[in-house]
All heavy atoms as atom14 arrays in JSON, in Angstrom:
{
  "sequence": "DMGRLKLLLTDLKPKSSYCLIFSYRLAGEKVGKLRVFLANKKTAPVW",
  "atom14_mask": [
    [1, 1, 1, 1, 1, 1, 1, 1, 0, 0, 0, 0, 0, 0],
    [1, 1, 1, 1, 1, 1, 1, 1, 0, 0, 0, 0, 0, 0],
    [1, 1, 1, 1, 0, 0, 0, 0, 0, 0, 0, 0, 0, 0],
    [1, 1, 1, 1, 1, 1, 1, 1, 1, 1, 1, 0, 0, 0],
    [1, 1, 1, 1, 1, 1, 1, 1, 0, 0, 0, 0, 0, 0],
    [1, 1, 1, 1, 1, 1, 1, 1, 1, 0, 0, 0, 0, 0],
    [1, 1, 1, 1, 1, 1, 1, 1, 0, 0, 0, 0, 0, 0],
    [1, 1, 1, 1, 1, 1, 1, 1, 0, 0, 0, 0, 0, 0],
    [1, 1, 1, 1, 1, 1, 1, 1, 0, 0, 0, 0, 0, 0],
    [1, 1, 1, 1, 1, 1, 1, 0, 0, 0, 0, 0, 0, 0],
    [1, 1, 1, 1, 1, 1, 1, 1, 0, 0, 0, 0, 0, 0],
    [1, 1, 1, 1, 1, 1, 1, 1, 0, 0, 0, 0, 0, 0],
    [1, 1, 1, 1, 1, 1, 1, 1, 1, 0, 0, 0, 0, 0],
    [1, 1, 1, 1, 1, 1, 1, 0, 0, 0, 0, 0, 0, 0],
    [1, 1, 1, 1, 1, 1, 1, 1, 1, 0, 0, 0, 0, 0],
    [1, 1, 1, 1, 1, 1, 0, 0, 0, 0, 0, 0, 0, 0],
    [1, 1, 1, 1, 1, 1, 0, 0, 0, 0, 0, 0, 0, 0],
    [1, 1, 1, 1, 1, 1, 1, 1, 1, 1, 1, 1, 0, 0],
    [1, 1, 1, 1, 1, 1, 0, 0, 0, 0, 0, 0, 0, 0],
    [1, 1, 1, 1, 1, 1, 1, 1, 0, 0, 0, 0, 0, 0],
    [1, 1, 1, 1, 1, 1, 1, 1, 0, 0, 0, 0, 0, 0],
    [1, 1, 1, 1, 1, 1, 1, 1, 1, 1, 1, 0, 0, 0],
    [1, 1, 1, 1, 1, 1, 0, 0, 0, 0, 0, 0, 0, 0],
    [1, 1, 1, 1, 1, 1, 1, 1, 1, 1, 1, 1, 0, 0],
    [1, 1, 1, 1, 1, 1, 1, 1, 1, 1, 1, 0, 0, 0],
    [1, 1, 1, 1, 1, 1, 1, 1, 0, 0, 0, 0, 0, 0],
    [1, 1, 1, 1, 1, 0, 0, 0, 0, 0, 0, 0, 0, 0],
    [1, 1, 1, 1, 0, 0, 0, 0, 0, 0, 0, 0, 0, 0],
    [1, 1, 1, 1, 1, 1, 1, 1, 1, 0, 0, 0, 0, 0],
    [1, 1, 1, 1, 1, 1, 1, 1, 1, 0, 0, 0, 0, 0],
    [1, 1, 1, 1, 1, 1, 1, 0, 0, 0, 0, 0, 0, 0],
    [1, 1, 1, 1, 0, 0, 0, 0, 0, 0, 0, 0, 0, 0],
    [1, 1, 1, 1, 1, 1, 1, 1, 1, 0, 0, 0, 0, 0],
    [1, 1, 1, 1, 1, 1, 1, 1, 0, 0, 0, 0, 0, 0],
    [1, 1, 1, 1, 1, 1, 1, 1, 1, 1, 1, 0, 0, 0],
    [1, 1, 1, 1, 1, 1, 1, 0, 0, 0, 0, 0, 0, 0],
    [1, 1, 1, 1, 1, 1, 1, 1, 1, 1, 1, 0, 0, 0],
    [1, 1, 1, 1, 1, 1, 1, 1, 0, 0, 0, 0, 0, 0],
    [1, 1, 1, 1, 1, 0, 0, 0, 0, 0, 0, 0, 0, 0],
    [1, 1, 1, 1, 1, 1, 1, 1, 0, 0, 0, 0, 0, 0],
    [1, 1, 1, 1, 1, 1, 1, 1, 1, 0, 0, 0, 0, 0],
    [1, 1, 1, 1, 1, 1, 1, 1, 1, 0, 0, 0, 0, 0],
    [1, 1, 1, 1, 1, 1, 1, 0, 0, 0, 0, 0, 0, 0],
    [1, 1, 1, 1, 1, 0, 0, 0, 0, 0, 0, 0, 0, 0],
    [1, 1, 1, 1, 1, 1, 1, 0, 0, 0, 0, 0, 0, 0],
    [1, 1, 1, 1, 1, 1, 1, 0, 0, 0, 0, 0, 0, 0],
    [1, 1, 1, 1, 1, 1, 1, 1, 1, 1, 1, 1, 1, 1]
  ],
  "atom14_positions": [
    [[-29.67, 30.18, -11.13], [-29.96, 29.02, -10.14], [-28.66, 28.86, -9.3], [-27.61, 29.07, -9.82], [-30.4, 27.78, -10.77], [-31.83, 27.79, -11.11], [-32.57, 28.74, -11.09], [-32.28, 26.77, -11.75], [0.0, 0.0, 0.0], [0.0, 0.0, 0.0], [0.0, 0.0, 0.0], [0.0, 0.0, 0.0], [0.0, 0.0, 0.0], [0.0, 0.0, 0.0]],
    [[-28.87, 28.31, -8.01], [-27.9, 28.07, -7.11], [-27.89, 26.73, -6.72], [-28.94, 26.05, -6.42], [-28.07, 29.03, -5.93], [-28.13, 30.45, -6.08], [-26.63, 31.3, -6.41], [-27.22, 32.91, -6.49], [0.0, 0.0, 0.0], [0.0, 0.0, 0.0], [0.0, 0.0, 0.0], [0.0, 0.0, 0.0], [0.0, 0.0, 0.0], [0.0, 0.0, 0.0]],
    [[-26.65, 26.18, -6.48], [-26.35, 25.0, -5.82], [-25.32, 25.03, -4.66], [-24.34, 25.65, -4.93], [0.0, 0.0, 0.0], [0.0, 0.0, 0.0], [0.0, 0.0, 0.0], [0.0, 0.0, 0.0], [0.0, 0.0, 0.0], [0.0, 0.0, 0.0], [0.0, 0.0, 0.0], [0.0, 0.0, 0.0], [0.0, 0.0, 0.0], [0.0, 0.0, 0.0]],
    [[-25.74, 24.48, -3.45], [-24.87, 24.79, -2.37], [-24.31, 23.32, -1.78], [-25.19, 22.57, -1.56], [-25.45, 25.64, -1.31], [-25.76, 27.02, -1.7], [-26.33, 27.82, -0.63], [-26.97, 29.05, -1.21], [-28.36, 29.16, -1.54], [-29.05, 28.02, -1.48], [-28.8, 30.18, -2.21], [0.0, 0.0, 0.0], [0.0, 0.0, 0.0], [0.0, 0.0, 0.0]],
    [[-23.13, 23.23, -1.52], [-22.5, 22.19, -0.89], [-21.87, 22.64, 0.36], [-20.9, 23.45, 0.32], [-21.55, 21.45, -1.81], [-20.92, 20.17, -1.29], [-22.09, 19.08, -1.24], [-19.84, 19.7, -2.4], [0.0, 0.0, 0.0], [0.0, 0.0, 0.0], [0.0, 0.0, 0.0], [0.0, 0.0, 0.0], [0.0, 0.0, 0.0], [0.0, 0.0, 0.0]],
    [[-22.34, 22.06, 1.46], [-21.79, 22.55, 2.83], [-20.93, 21.5, 3.56], [-21.29, 20.47, 3.58], [-22.98, 22.82, 3.76], [-22.63, 23.46, 4.98], [-23.92, 23.86, 5.88], [-24.8, 24.95, 5.23], [-25.83, 25.38, 6.28], [0.0, 0.0, 0.0], [0.0, 0.0, 0.0], [0.0, 0.0, 0.0], [0.0, 0.0, 0.0], [0.0, 0.0, 0.0]],
    [[-19.78, 22.09, 3.97], [-18.93, 21.16, 4.73], [-19.05, 21.54, 6.28], [-18.91, 22.62, 6.6], [-17.42, 21.35, 4.36], [-16.4, 20.71, 5.2], [-16.57, 19.22, 5.25], [-15.04, 21.06, 4.75], [0.0, 0.0, 0.0], [0.0, 0.0, 0.0], [0.0, 0.0, 0.0], [0.0, 0.0, 0.0], [0.0, 0.0, 0.0], [0.0, 0.0, 0.0]],
    [[-19.5, 20.56, 7.07], [-19.73, 20.9, 8.51], [-18.27, 20.75, 9.19], [-17.69, 19.75, 8.96], [-20.71, 19.92, 9.2], [-22.03, 19.99, 8.48], [-23.09, 19.07, 9.13], [-22.69, 21.43, 8.5], [0.0, 0.0, 0.0], [0.0, 0.0, 0.0], [0.0, 0.0, 0.0], [0.0, 0.0, 0.0], [0.0, 0.0, 0.0], [0.0, 0.0, 0.0]],
    [[-17.98, 21.77, 9.95], [-16.71, 21.72, 10.71], [-16.96, 21.62, 12.25], [-17.93, 22.29, 12.79], [-15.95, 22.95, 10.54], [-15.56, 23.36, 9.02], [-15.08, 24.81, 8.89], [-14.71, 22.28, 8.38], [0.0, 0.0, 0.0], [0.0, 0.0, 0.0], [0.0, 0.0, 0.0], [0.0, 0.0, 0.0], [0.0, 0.0, 0.0], [0.0, 0.0, 0.0]],
    [[-16.35, 20.61, 12.92], [-16.62, 20.4, 14.24], [-15.21, 20.6, 14.93], [-14.18, 20.57, 14.44], [-17.12, 19.12, 14.63], [-16.17, 18.04, 13.98], [-18.51, 18.94, 13.95], [0.0, 0.0, 0.0], [0.0, 0.0, 0.0], [0.0, 0.0, 0.0], [0.0, 0.0, 0.0], [0.0, 0.0, 0.0], [0.0, 0.0, 0.0], [0.0, 0.0, 0.0]],
    [[-15.32, 21.11, 16.15], [-14.2, 21.14, 17.11], [-13.06, 22.19, 16.69], [-11.87, 21.88, 16.94], [-13.41, 19.68, 17.31], [-14.49, 18.64, 17.63], [-15.31, 18.94, 18.36], [-14.23, 17.46, 17.21], [0.0, 0.0, 0.0], [0.0, 0.0, 0.0], [0.0, 0.0, 0.0], [0.0, 0.0, 0.0], [0.0, 0.0, 0.0], [0.0, 0.0, 0.0]],
    [[-13.48, 23.22, 15.98], [-12.42, 24.24, 15.74], [-12.31, 25.08, 17.05], [-13.33, 25.5, 17.74], [-12.96, 25.15, 14.65], [-12.96, 24.55, 13.26], [-13.21, 25.6, 12.15], [-11.8, 23.76, 12.87], [0.0, 0.0, 0.0], [0.0, 0.0, 0.0], [0.0, 0.0, 0.0], [0.0, 0.0, 0.0], [0.0, 0.0, 0.0], [0.0, 0.0, 0.0]],
    [[-11.1, 25.4, 17.32], [-10.81, 26.09, 18.7], [-11.18, 27.57, 18.42], [-10.71, 28.2, 17.46], [-9.33, 25.9, 19.1], [-9.08, 24.35, 19.44], [-7.6, 24.43, 19.94], [-7.21, 22.98, 20.34], [-7.12, 22.12, 19.3], [0.0, 0.0, 0.0], [0.0, 0.0, 0.0], [0.0, 0.0, 0.0], [0.0, 0.0, 0.0], [0.0, 0.0, 0.0]],
    [[-11.82, 28.2, 19.42], [-12.07, 29.62, 19.31], [-10.69, 30.39, 19.41], [-9.68, 29.86, 19.89], [-12.92, 29.97, 20.67], [-13.26, 28.72, 21.14], [-12.4, 27.66, 20.6], [0.0, 0.0, 0.0], [0.0, 0.0, 0.0], [0.0, 0.0, 0.0], [0.0, 0.0, 0.0], [0.0, 0.0, 0.0], [0.0, 0.0, 0.0], [0.0, 0.0, 0.0]],
    [[-10.71, 31.7, 18.92], [-9.59, 32.46, 18.94], [-8.25, 31.83, 18.32], [-7.14, 31.88, 18.79], [-9.17, 32.98, 20.43], [-10.33, 33.75, 20.92], [-10.0, 34.36, 22.24], [-10.97, 35.37, 22.69], [-12.11, 34.81, 23.51], [0.0, 0.0, 0.0], [0.0, 0.0, 0.0], [0.0, 0.0, 0.0], [0.0, 0.0, 0.0], [0.0, 0.0, 0.0]],
    [[-8.54, 31.01, 17.19], [-7.43, 30.41, 16.39], [-7.57, 30.9, 15.03], [-8.61, 31.4, 14.43], [-7.63, 28.92, 16.56], [-7.55, 28.5, 17.87], [0.0, 0.0, 0.0], [0.0, 0.0, 0.0], [0.0, 0.0, 0.0], [0.0, 0.0, 0.0], [0.0, 0.0, 0.0], [0.0, 0.0, 0.0], [0.0, 0.0, 0.0], [0.0, 0.0, 0.0]],
    [[-6.45, 30.69, 14.39], [-6.39, 30.82, 12.77], [-6.36, 29.6, 12.06], [-5.57, 28.66, 12.58], [-5.26, 31.68, 12.4], [-5.16, 32.92, 12.95], [0.0, 0.0, 0.0], [0.0, 0.0, 0.0], [0.0, 0.0, 0.0], [0.0, 0.0, 0.0], [0.0, 0.0, 0.0], [0.0, 0.0, 0.0], [0.0, 0.0, 0.0], [0.0, 0.0, 0.0]],
    [[-7.13, 29.49, 10.87], [-7.15, 28.35, 10.04], [-6.92, 28.79, 8.64], [-7.22, 29.91, 8.25], [-8.32, 27.46, 10.19], [-8.49, 26.85, 11.58], [-9.16, 27.65, 12.73], [-8.02, 25.68, 11.87], [-9.22, 26.94, 13.88], [-8.15, 25.11, 13.17], [-8.76, 25.77, 14.16], [-8.9, 25.21, 15.35], [0.0, 0.0, 0.0], [0.0, 0.0, 0.0]],
    [[-6.51, 27.95, 7.77], [-6.36, 28.16, 6.44], [-7.12, 27.19, 5.7], [-6.95, 25.96, 5.85], [-4.91, 28.09, 5.96], [-4.79, 28.37, 4.07], [0.0, 0.0, 0.0], [0.0, 0.0, 0.0], [0.0, 0.0, 0.0], [0.0, 0.0, 0.0], [0.0, 0.0, 0.0], [0.0, 0.0, 0.0], [0.0, 0.0, 0.0], [0.0, 0.0, 0.0]],
    [[-8.12, 27.48, 4.81], [-8.92, 26.53, 3.99], [-8.11, 26.66, 2.59], [-8.1, 27.67, 1.9], [-10.3, 27.04, 3.96], [-11.34, 26.15, 3.05], [-11.56, 24.9, 3.72], [-12.56, 26.93, 2.84], [0.0, 0.0, 0.0], [0.0, 0.0, 0.0], [0.0, 0.0, 0.0], [0.0, 0.0, 0.0], [0.0, 0.0, 0.0], [0.0, 0.0, 0.0]],
    [[-7.83, 25.48, 2.17], [-7.12, 25.35, 0.74], [-8.03, 24.42, -0.04], [-8.42, 23.35, 0.54], [-5.71, 24.82, 0.93], [-4.82, 25.76, 1.8], [-5.0, 24.72, -0.46], [-3.51, 25.26, 2.19], [0.0, 0.0, 0.0], [0.0, 0.0, 0.0], [0.0, 0.0, 0.0], [0.0, 0.0, 0.0], [0.0, 0.0, 0.0], [0.0, 0.0, 0.0]],
    [[-8.36, 24.76, -1.29], [-9.12, 23.91, -2.09], [-8.68, 24.05, -3.62], [-8.2, 25.11, -3.91], [-10.61, 24.23, -1.96], [-10.95, 25.62, -2.14], [-11.45, 26.0, -3.39], [-10.78, 26.62, -1.13], [-11.78, 27.35, -3.62], [-11.16, 27.87, -1.44], [-11.61, 28.29, -2.67], [0.0, 0.0, 0.0], [0.0, 0.0, 0.0], [0.0, 0.0, 0.0]],
    [[-8.99, 23.12, -4.43], [-8.87, 23.06, -5.86], [-10.15, 23.47, -6.39], [-11.25, 22.87, -6.01], [-8.28, 21.67, -6.31], [-7.16, 21.35, -5.77], [0.0, 0.0, 0.0], [0.0, 0.0, 0.0], [0.0, 0.0, 0.0], [0.0, 0.0, 0.0], [0.0, 0.0, 0.0], [0.0, 0.0, 0.0], [0.0, 0.0, 0.0], [0.0, 0.0, 0.0]],
    [[-10.19, 24.23, -7.53], [-11.34, 24.54, -8.13], [-11.03, 24.73, -9.66], [-10.06, 24.98, -10.14], [-12.03, 25.81, -7.58], [-11.22, 27.14, -7.97], [-11.57, 27.88, -8.98], [-10.21, 27.56, -7.21], [-10.88, 28.99, -9.24], [-9.46, 28.7, -7.35], [-9.73, 29.38, -8.51], [-9.01, 30.5, -8.79], [0.0, 0.0, 0.0], [0.0, 0.0, 0.0]],
    [[-12.16, 24.62, -10.36], [-12.2, 24.77, -11.87], [-13.41, 25.38, -12.24], [-14.52, 24.94, -11.97], [-11.92, 23.43, -12.48], [-11.76, 23.47, -14.03], [-11.21, 22.24, -14.51], [-12.25, 21.27, -14.69], [-12.25, 20.16, -15.45], [-11.18, 20.01, -16.14], [-13.29, 19.38, -15.53], [0.0, 0.0, 0.0], [0.0, 0.0, 0.0], [0.0, 0.0, 0.0]],
    [[-13.33, 26.35, -13.16], [-14.54, 26.89, -13.77], [-14.11, 26.8, -15.37], [-13.41, 27.42, -15.91], [-14.61, 28.51, -13.61], [-15.09, 28.76, -12.08], [-14.12, 29.64, -11.31], [-16.47, 29.17, -12.11], [0.0, 0.0, 0.0], [0.0, 0.0, 0.0], [0.0, 0.0, 0.0], [0.0, 0.0, 0.0], [0.0, 0.0, 0.0], [0.0, 0.0, 0.0]],
    [[-14.79, 25.68, -15.95], [-14.46, 25.42, -17.34], [-15.69, 25.68, -18.18], [-16.86, 25.34, -17.85], [-14.18, 23.9, -17.38], [0.0, 0.0, 0.0], [0.0, 0.0, 0.0], [0.0, 0.0, 0.0], [0.0, 0.0, 0.0], [0.0, 0.0, 0.0], [0.0, 0.0, 0.0], [0.0, 0.0, 0.0], [0.0, 0.0, 0.0], [0.0, 0.0, 0.0]],
    [[-15.47, 26.4, -19.34], [-16.45, 26.72, -20.26], [-16.77, 28.2, -20.22], [-16.64, 28.77, -19.25], [0.0, 0.0, 0.0], [0.0, 0.0, 0.0], [0.0, 0.0, 0.0], [0.0, 0.0, 0.0], [0.0, 0.0, 0.0], [0.0, 0.0, 0.0], [0.0, 0.0, 0.0], [0.0, 0.0, 0.0], [0.0, 0.0, 0.0], [0.0, 0.0, 0.0]],
    [[-17.41, 28.69, -21.33], [-17.62, 30.08, -21.42], [-18.99, 30.35, -20.65], [-19.96, 29.65, -20.86], [-17.79, 30.34, -23.04], [-17.83, 31.79, -23.36], [-17.87, 32.14, -24.78], [-17.45, 31.26, -25.61], [-18.39, 33.18, -25.05], [0.0, 0.0, 0.0], [0.0, 0.0, 0.0], [0.0, 0.0, 0.0], [0.0, 0.0, 0.0], [0.0, 0.0, 0.0]],
    [[-18.97, 31.53, -20.01], [-20.03, 32.05, -19.23], [-20.67, 30.85, -18.31], [-21.89, 30.59, -18.18], [-21.15, 32.5, -20.27], [-20.66, 33.7, -20.99], [-21.79, 34.22, -21.87], [-21.2, 35.4, -22.54], [-21.97, 35.55, -23.87], [0.0, 0.0, 0.0], [0.0, 0.0, 0.0], [0.0, 0.0, 0.0], [0.0, 0.0, 0.0], [0.0, 0.0, 0.0]],
    [[-19.82, 30.11, -17.63], [-20.31, 28.84, -16.94], [-20.94, 29.39, -15.64], [-21.73, 28.61, -15.11], [-19.03, 27.85, -16.6], [-18.13, 28.52, -15.64], [-19.54, 26.67, -16.13], [0.0, 0.0, 0.0], [0.0, 0.0, 0.0], [0.0, 0.0, 0.0], [0.0, 0.0, 0.0], [0.0, 0.0, 0.0], [0.0, 0.0, 0.0], [0.0, 0.0, 0.0]],
    [[-20.57, 30.48, -15.05], [-21.33, 30.94, -13.77], [-20.33, 31.44, -12.76], [-19.03, 31.74, -13.16], [0.0, 0.0, 0.0], [0.0, 0.0, 0.0], [0.0, 0.0, 0.0], [0.0, 0.0, 0.0], [0.0, 0.0, 0.0], [0.0, 0.0, 0.0], [0.0, 0.0, 0.0], [0.0, 0.0, 0.0], [0.0, 0.0, 0.0], [0.0, 0.0, 0.0]],
    [[-20.59, 31.33, -11.48], [-19.81, 31.76, -10.48], [-19.7, 30.73, -9.34], [-20.57, 29.94, -9.15], [-20.43, 33.04, -9.87], [-20.5, 34.14, -10.59], [-21.07, 35.34, -9.81], [-21.13, 36.53, -10.81], [-21.94, 37.66, -10.33], [0.0, 0.0, 0.0], [0.0, 0.0, 0.0], [0.0, 0.0, 0.0], [0.0, 0.0, 0.0], [0.0, 0.0, 0.0]],
    [[-18.35, 30.8, -8.67], [-18.24, 29.82, -7.59], [-17.99, 30.73, -6.48], [-17.02, 31.62, -6.49], [-17.14, 28.94, -7.82], [-16.52, 28.02, -6.68], [-17.74, 27.13, -6.25], [-15.36, 27.29, -6.97], [0.0, 0.0, 0.0], [0.0, 0.0, 0.0], [0.0, 0.0, 0.0], [0.0, 0.0, 0.0], [0.0, 0.0, 0.0], [0.0, 0.0, 0.0]],
    [[-18.65, 30.55, -5.3], [-18.46, 31.43, -4.17], [-18.23, 30.53, -2.95], [-18.74, 29.41, -2.87], [-19.7, 32.31, -3.88], [-20.05, 33.29, -4.96], [-21.25, 34.14, -4.4], [-21.76, 34.95, -5.56], [-22.67, 34.61, -6.27], [-23.35, 33.5, -6.19], [-22.98, 35.4, -7.34], [0.0, 0.0, 0.0], [0.0, 0.0, 0.0], [0.0, 0.0, 0.0]],
    [[-17.45, 31.06, -1.98], [-17.27, 30.34, -0.7], [-17.98, 31.26, 0.53], [-17.56, 32.39, 0.51], [-15.9, 29.98, -0.43], [-15.72, 29.27, 1.01], [-15.35, 29.21, -1.56], [0.0, 0.0, 0.0], [0.0, 0.0, 0.0], [0.0, 0.0, 0.0], [0.0, 0.0, 0.0], [0.0, 0.0, 0.0], [0.0, 0.0, 0.0], [0.0, 0.0, 0.0]],
    [[-18.76, 30.74, 1.33], [-19.3, 31.31, 2.55], [-18.84, 30.67, 3.73], [-18.72, 29.43, 3.84], [-20.84, 31.4, 2.44], [-21.38, 32.09, 1.3], [-21.64, 31.53, 0.12], [-21.84, 33.47, 1.54], [-22.17, 32.24, -0.93], [-22.39, 34.14, 0.6], [-22.59, 33.63, -0.69], [0.0, 0.0, 0.0], [0.0, 0.0, 0.0], [0.0, 0.0, 0.0]],
    [[-18.55, 31.42, 4.84], [-18.38, 30.94, 6.26], [-19.64, 31.15, 6.91], [-20.3, 32.16, 6.85], [-17.06, 31.6, 6.86], [-15.94, 31.49, 6.14], [-14.79, 32.32, 6.83], [-15.43, 30.1, 5.92], [0.0, 0.0, 0.0], [0.0, 0.0, 0.0], [0.0, 0.0, 0.0], [0.0, 0.0, 0.0], [0.0, 0.0, 0.0], [0.0, 0.0, 0.0]],
    [[-19.95, 30.15, 7.83], [-21.26, 30.22, 8.54], [-21.55, 31.36, 9.27], [-22.58, 31.87, 9.45], [-21.34, 28.94, 9.43], [0.0, 0.0, 0.0], [0.0, 0.0, 0.0], [0.0, 0.0, 0.0], [0.0, 0.0, 0.0], [0.0, 0.0, 0.0], [0.0, 0.0, 0.0], [0.0, 0.0, 0.0], [0.0, 0.0, 0.0], [0.0, 0.0, 0.0]],
    [[-20.42, 31.98, 9.94], [-20.7, 33.16, 10.78], [-20.69, 34.44, 10.0], [-20.77, 35.58, 10.49], [-19.64, 33.23, 12.04], [-18.2, 33.08, 11.43], [-17.92, 33.19, 10.16], [-17.19, 33.31, 12.3], [0.0, 0.0, 0.0], [0.0, 0.0, 0.0], [0.0, 0.0, 0.0], [0.0, 0.0, 0.0], [0.0, 0.0, 0.0], [0.0, 0.0, 0.0]],
    [[-20.46, 34.44, 8.67], [-20.37, 35.5, 7.88], [-21.41, 35.28, 6.6], [-21.04, 35.38, 5.53], [-19.1, 35.85, 7.21], [-17.92, 35.85, 8.19], [-17.09, 37.16, 8.14], [-15.93, 37.04, 9.0], [-15.98, 36.5, 10.35], [0.0, 0.0, 0.0], [0.0, 0.0, 0.0], [0.0, 0.0, 0.0], [0.0, 0.0, 0.0], [0.0, 0.0, 0.0]],
    [[-22.73, 35.13, 6.88], [-23.71, 34.73, 5.98], [-23.9, 35.64, 4.88], [-24.31, 35.2, 3.73], [-24.94, 34.44, 6.71], [-25.1, 33.16, 7.44], [-26.51, 32.68, 7.57], [-26.68, 31.55, 8.38], [-25.74, 30.6, 8.67], [0.0, 0.0, 0.0], [0.0, 0.0, 0.0], [0.0, 0.0, 0.0], [0.0, 0.0, 0.0], [0.0, 0.0, 0.0]],
    [[-23.68, 36.99, 5.03], [-24.28, 37.86, 4.03], [-23.28, 37.94, 2.88], [-23.72, 37.93, 1.66], [-24.34, 39.29, 4.7], [-23.0, 39.66, 5.34], [-25.42, 39.48, 5.76], [0.0, 0.0, 0.0], [0.0, 0.0, 0.0], [0.0, 0.0, 0.0], [0.0, 0.0, 0.0], [0.0, 0.0, 0.0], [0.0, 0.0, 0.0], [0.0, 0.0, 0.0]],
    [[-22.01, 37.99, 3.0], [-21.06, 38.17, 1.79], [-20.27, 37.0, 1.7], [-19.74, 36.39, 2.78], [-20.32, 39.53, 1.94], [0.0, 0.0, 0.0], [0.0, 0.0, 0.0], [0.0, 0.0, 0.0], [0.0, 0.0, 0.0], [0.0, 0.0, 0.0], [0.0, 0.0, 0.0], [0.0, 0.0, 0.0], [0.0, 0.0, 0.0], [0.0, 0.0, 0.0]],
    [[-19.83, 36.61, 0.49], [-18.91, 35.56, 0.29], [-17.63, 35.98, 0.82], [-17.17, 37.22, 0.71], [-18.97, 35.38, -1.24], [-19.56, 36.51, -1.77], [-20.39, 37.15, -0.86], [0.0, 0.0, 0.0], [0.0, 0.0, 0.0], [0.0, 0.0, 0.0], [0.0, 0.0, 0.0], [0.0, 0.0, 0.0], [0.0, 0.0, 0.0], [0.0, 0.0, 0.0]],
    [[-16.84, 35.06, 1.25], [-15.47, 35.37, 1.6], [-14.5, 35.14, 0.45], [-13.28, 35.44, 0.47], [-14.88, 34.54, 2.8], [-15.62, 34.95, 4.08], [-15.02, 33.0, 2.58], [0.0, 0.0, 0.0], [0.0, 0.0, 0.0], [0.0, 0.0, 0.0], [0.0, 0.0, 0.0], [0.0, 0.0, 0.0], [0.0, 0.0, 0.0], [0.0, 0.0, 0.0]],
    [[-15.05, 34.6, -0.71], [-14.12, 34.26, -1.9], [-15.18, 34.02, -3.03], [-16.23, 33.64, -2.82], [-13.35, 32.84, -1.62], [-12.45, 32.55, -2.72], [-11.15, 32.76, -2.73], [-12.79, 31.75, -3.84], [-10.58, 32.29, -3.85], [-11.58, 31.58, -4.46], [-13.98, 31.15, -4.2], [-11.53, 30.89, -5.77], [-13.85, 30.37, -5.56], [-12.68, 30.3, -6.14]]
  ]
}
């Protein structure tokens, strides 16, 4: 099963670079997967 939490980004300048930094934790045996997707690259996770 999947759960998705989306952060809407507004006012990002075109032709610019950004860095997304976040803290994460996968605690427990066989807990599952955490993926990050960017809106313009829907098919594959970037992380």
